[in-house]
C-alpha atoms as a PDB file:
ATOM      1  CA  MET A   1     -92.967 253.449 152.710  1.00  0.00           C
ATOM      2  CA  SER A   2     -94.310 256.480 150.975  1.00  0.00           C
ATOM      3  CA  SER A   3     -98.080 256.932 150.132  1.00  0.00           C
ATOM      4  CA  GLU A   4     -97.386 256.679 146.730  1.00  0.00           C
ATOM      5  CA  ASP A   5     -95.586 253.413 146.876  1.00  0.00           C
ATOM      6  CA  ARG A   6     -98.437 252.032 148.944  1.00  0.00           C
ATOM      7  CA  PHE A   7    -100.672 253.160 146.154  1.00  0.00           C
ATOM      8  CA  ILE A   8     -98.441 251.506 143.500  1.00  0.00           C
ATOM      9  CA  ASP A   9     -98.625 248.073 145.449  1.00  0.00           C
ATOM     10  CA  ILE A  10    -102.134 248.361 146.067  1.00  0.00           C
ATOM     11  CA  GLU A  11    -102.667 248.927 141.823  1.00  0.00           C
ATOM     12  CA  ILE A  12    -100.307 246.133 141.539  1.00  0.00           C
ATOM     13  CA  LYS A  13    -102.221 243.681 143.805  1.00  0.00           C
ATOM     14  CA  LEU A  14    -105.338 244.757 142.258  1.00  0.00           C
ATOM     15  CA  ALA A  15    -103.957 243.911 138.861  1.00  0.00           C
ATOM     16  CA  HIS A  16    -102.949 240.480 140.051  1.00  0.00           C
ATOM     17  CA  GLN A  17    -106.448 239.729 141.263  1.00  0.00           C
ATOM     18  CA  GLU A  18    -108.261 240.995 138.117  1.00  0.00           C
ATOM     19  CA  ASP A  19    -106.260 238.607 136.218  1.00  0.00           C
ATOM     20  CA  LEU A  20    -106.836 235.356 138.785  1.00  0.00           C
ATOM     21  CA  VAL A  21    -110.520 236.466 138.752  1.00  0.00           C
ATOM     22  CA  GLU A  22    -110.453 236.325 134.896  1.00  0.00           C
ATOM     23  CA  SER A  23    -108.775 232.886 134.973  1.00  0.00           C
ATOM     24  CA  LEU A  24    -111.381 231.687 137.500  1.00  0.00           C
ATOM     25  CA  ASN A  25    -114.343 232.814 135.362  1.00  0.00           C
ATOM     26  CA  GLN A  26    -113.051 231.298 132.247  1.00  0.00           C
ATOM     27  CA  ARG A  27    -112.453 228.170 134.169  1.00  0.00           C
ATOM     28  CA  VAL A  28    -115.788 227.861 135.541  1.00  0.00           C
ATOM     29  CA  TYR A  29    -117.423 228.712 132.145  1.00  0.00           C
ATOM     30  CA  GLU A  30    -115.240 225.635 130.556  1.00  0.00           C
ATOM     31  CA  GLN A  31    -116.545 223.672 133.560  1.00  0.00           C
ATOM     32  CA  GLN A  32    -119.888 224.566 133.112  1.00  0.00           C
ATOM     33  CA  LYS A  33    -119.504 223.618 129.083  1.00  0.00           C
ATOM     34  CA  GLN A  34    -118.378 220.208 130.296  1.00  0.00           C
ATOM     35  CA  ILE A  35    -121.170 219.842 132.771  1.00  0.00           C
ATOM     36  CA  ASP A  36    -123.536 220.492 130.103  1.00  0.00           C
ATOM     37  CA  GLN A  37    -122.085 218.007 127.783  1.00  0.00           C
ATOM     38  CA  LEU A  38    -122.000 215.406 130.347  1.00  0.00           C
ATOM     39  CA  GLU A  39    -125.531 215.648 131.260  1.00  0.00           C
ATOM     40  CA  ALA A  40    -126.708 215.394 127.651  1.00  0.00           C
ATOM     41  CA  MET A  41    -124.964 212.452 127.476  1.00  0.00           C
ATOM     42  CA  LEU A  42    -126.182 210.953 130.445  1.00  0.00           C
ATOM     43  CA  VAL A  43    -129.976 211.741 129.304  1.00  0.00           C
ATOM     44  CA  ALA A  44    -129.082 209.931 125.830  1.00  0.00           C
ATOM     45  CA  LEU A  45    -127.601 207.048 127.610  1.00  0.00           C
ATOM     46  CA  ALA A  46    -130.500 206.745 130.152  1.00  0.00           C
ATOM     47  CA  GLU A  47    -132.809 206.804 126.797  1.00  0.00           C
ATOM     48  CA  ARG A  48    -130.808 204.315 125.334  1.00  0.00           C
ATOM     49  CA  VAL A  49    -130.925 202.060 128.297  1.00  0.00           C
ATOM     50  CA  ARG A  50    -134.550 202.541 128.700  1.00  0.00           C
ATOM     51  CA  THR A  51    -135.356 201.673 125.105  1.00  0.00           C
ATOM     52  CA  THR A  52    -132.988 198.761 124.938  1.00  0.00           C
ATOM     53  CA  SER A  53    -134.679 197.168 128.273  1.00  0.00           C
ATOM     54  CA  GLN A  54    -138.108 197.676 126.392  1.00  0.00           C
ATOM     55  CA  ALA A  55    -136.896 195.899 123.723  1.00  0.00           C
ATOM     56  CA  ASN A  56    -135.514 192.875 125.436  1.00  0.00           C
ATOM     57  CA  GLN A  57    -138.263 192.339 127.853  1.00  0.00           C
ATOM     58  CA  THR A  58    -140.323 188.881 127.225  1.00  0.00           C
ATOM     59  CA  PRO A  59    -143.501 188.117 129.229  1.00  0.00           C
ATOM     60  CA  LEU A  60    -142.860 185.866 132.172  1.00  0.00           C
ATOM     61  CA  ASN A  61    -145.039 183.153 131.135  1.00  0.00           C
ATOM     62  CA  GLU A  62    -143.821 182.952 127.594  1.00  0.00           C
ATOM     63  CA  PRO A  63    -141.717 179.538 126.935  1.00  0.00           C
ATOM     64  CA  PRO A  64    -138.335 179.773 125.474  1.00  0.00           C
ATOM     65  CA  PRO A  65    -137.798 180.054 121.841  1.00  0.00           C
ATOM     66  CA  HIS A  66    -135.983 176.267 121.685  1.00  0.00           C
ATOM     67  CA  TYR A  67    -139.452 174.778 122.914  1.00  0.00           C
END
């Protein structure tokens, strides 16, 4: 294999690696967007649970409404 053939082979491998890195970067970006969305949903759900549980709290010594 000549030096030129080796150089061409290295250029081809580098081009493939650049494509792979770009693809992986795009996937990481998409996953981060999804993580951000899930975190926002989790915060909203936690707030909803907190407000719902606060609204449903009754004092322990209060008799049930049917008495």
